[in-house]
Amino acid sequence: MATYLPLRGNLPSIPRQPTFHSEATYLPFRGNPPSTPRQPTFHSEATHLPLRGNPPSTPRQPTFHSEATHLPLRGNPPSTPRQPTFHSEATHLPLRGNPPSIPRQPTFHSEATHLPLRGNPPSTPRQPTFHSEATHLPLRGNPPSTPRQPTFHSEATHLPFRGNPPSIPRQPTFHSEATYLPLRGNLPSTPRQPTFHSEATYLPF
């Protein structure tokens, strides 16, 4: 049910995978295409879906989105394949800064209000933090020198990734119904057992 779908510019020199769309409002592809293969782009509810600029020299991986208003990929494209980002009911979820030099695990989120990851990512694991009925528990200071286990949360609306991406794969961040729960003081130099709590109002890292 698309009303305007022109193909502009020179045709590709090799076959290109199909672009699927239906009932979308405005989802154009602008700028130079990637130098490595990318699969087709799937979207729905679009009315204006032109392809602008030179077509890609090889196939392109898929970008999945539904009911999103603004989901651009900014900056230079990654030098290695990147896993897809899944989102639902999000209004603004851009990726800013330089992309990671190696693949990154997906970030899962749904109906969250504001849960960004700030500062340098940890290099060693940390057990998850559970909380209940807390109103103000921030985590301040330098992050731990060893990797950290995931933080669980859900119902977020704005989940951007800020700063330089990690040089090694990062586990997903899960969250649910938390508004503000930071942890204060310096982080432990070794893994820490979990802190249990629930029904929190704010859970940033």
Protein backbone atom coordinates (compact mmCIF):
# COMPACT_ATOMS: atom_id res chain seq x y z
CA MET A 1 0.00 0.00 0.00
CA ALA A 2 2.79 2.45 -0.90
CA THR A 3 1.93 5.61 -2.82
CA TYR A 4 5.33 6.91 -3.93
CA LEU A 5 8.29 4.58 -4.55
CA PRO A 6 10.75 5.93 -7.16
CA LEU A 7 14.28 4.55 -7.81
CA ARG A 8 16.71 7.40 -8.50
CA GLY A 9 20.29 7.39 -9.76
CA ASN A 10 22.28 4.75 -11.66
CA LEU A 11 21.22 1.13 -11.43
CA PRO A 12 23.47 -1.30 -9.49
CA SER A 13 26.27 -3.05 -11.40
CA ILE A 14 25.34 -6.38 -9.78
CA PRO A 15 22.00 -7.77 -8.59
CA ARG A 16 20.66 -6.22 -5.43
CA GLN A 17 18.36 -7.83 -2.85
CA PRO A 18 14.77 -6.52 -2.73
CA THR A 19 13.57 -3.68 -0.55
CA PHE A 20 10.32 -4.48 1.22
CA HIS A 21 8.02 -1.75 2.46
CA SER A 22 4.37 -1.03 3.04
CA GLU A 23 2.49 1.98 4.41
CA ALA A 24 5.60 3.85 5.58
CA THR A 25 5.71 7.62 5.86
CA TYR A 26 9.28 8.57 4.95
CA LEU A 27 12.23 6.14 4.99
CA PRO A 28 14.84 7.16 2.38
CA PHE A 29 18.41 5.81 2.06
CA ARG A 30 20.80 8.75 1.61
CA GLY A 31 24.54 9.12 1.09
CA ASN A 32 27.07 6.65 -0.23
CA PRO A 33 26.12 3.01 0.26
CA PRO A 34 28.34 0.63 2.27
CA SER A 35 31.25 -1.15 0.56
CA THR A 36 30.26 -4.53 2.06
CA PRO A 37 27.10 -6.61 1.51
CA ARG A 38 23.92 -5.54 3.25
CA GLN A 39 20.60 -7.41 3.17
CA PRO A 40 17.28 -5.73 2.30
CA THR A 41 15.52 -3.16 4.45
CA PHE A 42 12.10 -4.14 5.78
CA HIS A 43 9.53 -1.61 6.94
CA SER A 44 5.84 -1.03 6.93
CA GLU A 45 3.38 1.89 6.73
CA ALA A 46 5.52 4.06 4.41
CA THR A 47 4.24 6.51 1.77
CA HIS A 48 7.49 7.91 0.44
CA LEU A 49 10.43 5.49 0.09
CA PRO A 50 12.95 6.68 -2.53
CA LEU A 51 16.50 5.29 -2.93
CA ARG A 52 18.88 8.23 -3.45
CA GLY A 53 22.52 8.35 -4.45
CA ASN A 54 24.62 5.61 -6.01
CA PRO A 55 23.35 2.09 -5.36
CA PRO A 56 25.51 -0.31 -3.30
CA SER A 57 28.17 -2.37 -5.08
CA THR A 58 27.17 -5.50 -3.10
CA PRO A 59 24.06 -6.71 -1.18
CA ARG A 60 23.16 -5.10 2.14
CA GLN A 61 22.11 -6.57 5.53
CA PRO A 62 18.54 -5.87 6.74
CA THR A 63 17.42 -3.07 9.02
CA PHE A 64 14.33 -4.03 11.00
CA HIS A 65 11.90 -1.43 12.29
CA SER A 66 8.23 -0.98 12.95
CA GLU A 67 6.20 1.98 14.20
CA ALA A 68 9.35 4.06 14.72
CA THR A 69 9.44 7.77 13.98
CA HIS A 70 13.15 8.53 13.84
CA LEU A 71 15.79 5.78 13.82
CA PRO A 72 18.82 6.92 11.81
CA LEU A 73 22.33 5.39 11.84
CA ARG A 74 24.83 8.24 12.11
CA GLY A 75 28.57 8.37 11.59
CA ASN A 76 30.83 6.04 9.62
CA PRO A 77 29.52 2.53 9.02
CA PRO A 78 31.19 -0.30 11.01
CA SER A 79 34.25 -2.02 9.52
CA THR A 80 32.83 -5.45 10.49
CA PRO A 81 29.28 -6.86 10.51
CA ARG A 82 26.98 -5.62 13.24
CA GLN A 83 24.04 -7.49 14.75
CA PRO A 84 20.60 -5.92 14.21
CA THR A 85 19.04 -3.61 16.76
CA PHE A 86 15.52 -4.57 17.78
CA HIS A 87 13.15 -1.98 19.18
CA SER A 88 9.49 -1.46 19.79
CA GLU A 89 7.47 1.70 20.46
CA ALA A 90 10.58 3.90 20.40
CA THR A 91 10.55 7.47 19.13
CA HIS A 92 14.24 8.38 18.98
CA LEU A 93 16.99 5.73 19.13
CA PRO A 94 20.06 6.90 17.17
CA LEU A 95 23.58 5.38 17.31
CA ARG A 96 26.08 8.22 17.70
CA GLY A 97 29.85 8.34 17.40
CA ASN A 98 32.19 5.92 15.69
CA PRO A 99 30.90 2.37 15.33
CA PRO A 100 32.65 -0.54 17.11
CA SER A 101 35.64 -2.22 15.43
CA ILE A 102 34.17 -5.69 16.12
CA PRO A 103 30.58 -6.98 16.26
CA ARG A 104 28.44 -5.88 19.18
CA GLN A 105 25.62 -7.83 20.82
CA PRO A 106 22.09 -6.42 20.40
CA THR A 107 20.51 -4.02 22.85
CA PHE A 108 17.02 -5.03 23.89
CA HIS A 109 14.59 -2.44 25.21
CA SER A 110 10.90 -1.72 25.43
CA GLU A 111 8.87 1.17 26.85
CA ALA A 112 11.71 2.65 28.96
CA THR A 113 11.90 6.33 29.86
CA HIS A 114 15.60 7.13 30.07
CA LEU A 115 18.27 4.48 30.67
CA PRO A 116 21.57 5.49 29.00
CA LEU A 117 24.98 3.82 29.52
CA ARG A 118 27.52 6.51 30.33
CA GLY A 119 31.29 6.46 30.78
CA ASN A 120 33.80 3.82 29.77
CA PRO A 121 32.47 0.26 29.65
CA PRO A 122 33.82 -2.27 32.21
CA SER A 123 36.48 -4.83 31.26
CA THR A 124 35.51 -7.68 33.70
CA PRO A 125 32.18 -9.32 34.77
CA ARG A 126 29.93 -8.05 37.53
CA GLN A 127 26.85 -9.76 38.96
CA PRO A 128 23.43 -8.18 38.28
CA THR A 129 21.88 -5.59 40.59
CA PHE A 130 18.35 -6.31 41.79
CA HIS A 131 16.35 -3.64 43.56
CA SER A 132 12.96 -3.00 45.05
CA GLU A 133 11.17 0.16 46.20
CA ALA A 134 14.30 2.33 45.98
CA THR A 135 14.13 6.00 44.97
CA HIS A 136 17.72 7.23 44.73
CA LEU A 137 20.69 4.82 44.30
CA PRO A 138 23.20 6.18 41.74
CA LEU A 139 26.45 4.58 40.56
CA ARG A 140 29.13 7.26 40.48
CA GLY A 141 32.83 7.31 39.75
CA ASN A 142 34.94 5.15 37.45
CA PRO A 143 33.46 1.90 36.16
CA PRO A 144 34.97 -1.46 37.23
CA SER A 145 38.10 -2.76 35.49
CA THR A 146 36.43 -6.15 34.79
CA PRO A 147 33.21 -7.06 32.80
CA ARG A 148 29.82 -6.72 34.42
CA GLN A 149 26.73 -8.91 34.20
CA PRO A 150 23.57 -7.45 32.64
CA THR A 151 21.22 -4.95 34.25
CA PHE A 152 17.58 -5.86 33.71
CA HIS A 153 14.93 -3.24 32.91
CA SER A 154 11.91 -2.65 30.67
CA GLU A 155 9.37 0.01 29.57
CA ALA A 156 11.93 2.54 28.29
CA THR A 157 11.32 5.32 25.72
CA HIS A 158 14.79 6.74 25.19
CA LEU A 159 17.79 4.39 25.25
CA PRO A 160 20.74 5.98 23.42
CA PHE A 161 24.32 4.64 23.47
CA ARG A 162 26.71 7.52 24.17
CA GLY A 163 30.48 7.81 23.96
CA ASN A 164 32.89 5.43 22.28
CA PRO A 165 31.56 1.91 21.83
CA PRO A 166 33.34 -0.96 23.63
CA SER A 167 36.30 -2.64 21.91
CA ILE A 168 34.93 -6.07 22.87
CA PRO A 169 31.37 -7.47 22.69
CA ARG A 170 28.99 -6.28 25.39
CA GLN A 171 26.10 -8.26 26.92
CA PRO A 172 22.57 -6.84 26.56
CA THR A 173 21.04 -4.49 29.10
CA PHE A 174 17.64 -5.47 30.47
CA HIS A 175 15.45 -3.13 32.50
CA SER A 176 11.94 -2.91 33.85
CA GLU A 177 9.89 -0.15 35.50
CA ALA A 178 12.87 1.61 37.11
CA THR A 179 13.16 5.39 37.24
CA TYR A 180 16.18 6.28 39.34
CA LEU A 181 18.48 3.79 41.13
CA PRO A 182 22.19 4.73 41.00
CA LEU A 183 25.03 3.20 43.10
CA ARG A 184 27.48 5.59 44.81
CA GLY A 185 31.19 5.26 45.54
CA ASN A 186 34.03 3.45 43.78
CA LEU A 187 33.24 0.15 42.15
CA PRO A 188 34.72 -3.10 43.51
CA SER A 189 37.97 -4.41 41.95
CA THR A 190 36.52 -7.97 41.85
CA PRO A 191 33.06 -9.39 41.06
CA ARG A 192 30.35 -8.58 43.54
CA GLN A 193 27.31 -10.54 44.65
CA PRO A 194 23.91 -9.12 43.67
CA THR A 195 21.95 -6.46 45.54
CA PHE A 196 18.26 -7.26 45.51
CA HIS A 197 15.53 -4.63 45.09
CA SER A 198 12.50 -3.98 42.92
CA GLU A 199 9.96 -1.30 41.90
CA ALA A 200 12.64 1.34 41.42
CA THR A 201 12.15 4.64 39.65
CA TYR A 202 15.52 5.34 37.95
CA LEU A 203 18.28 2.85 36.98
CA PRO A 204 21.11 4.46 34.95
CA PHE A 205 24.65 3.09 34.66
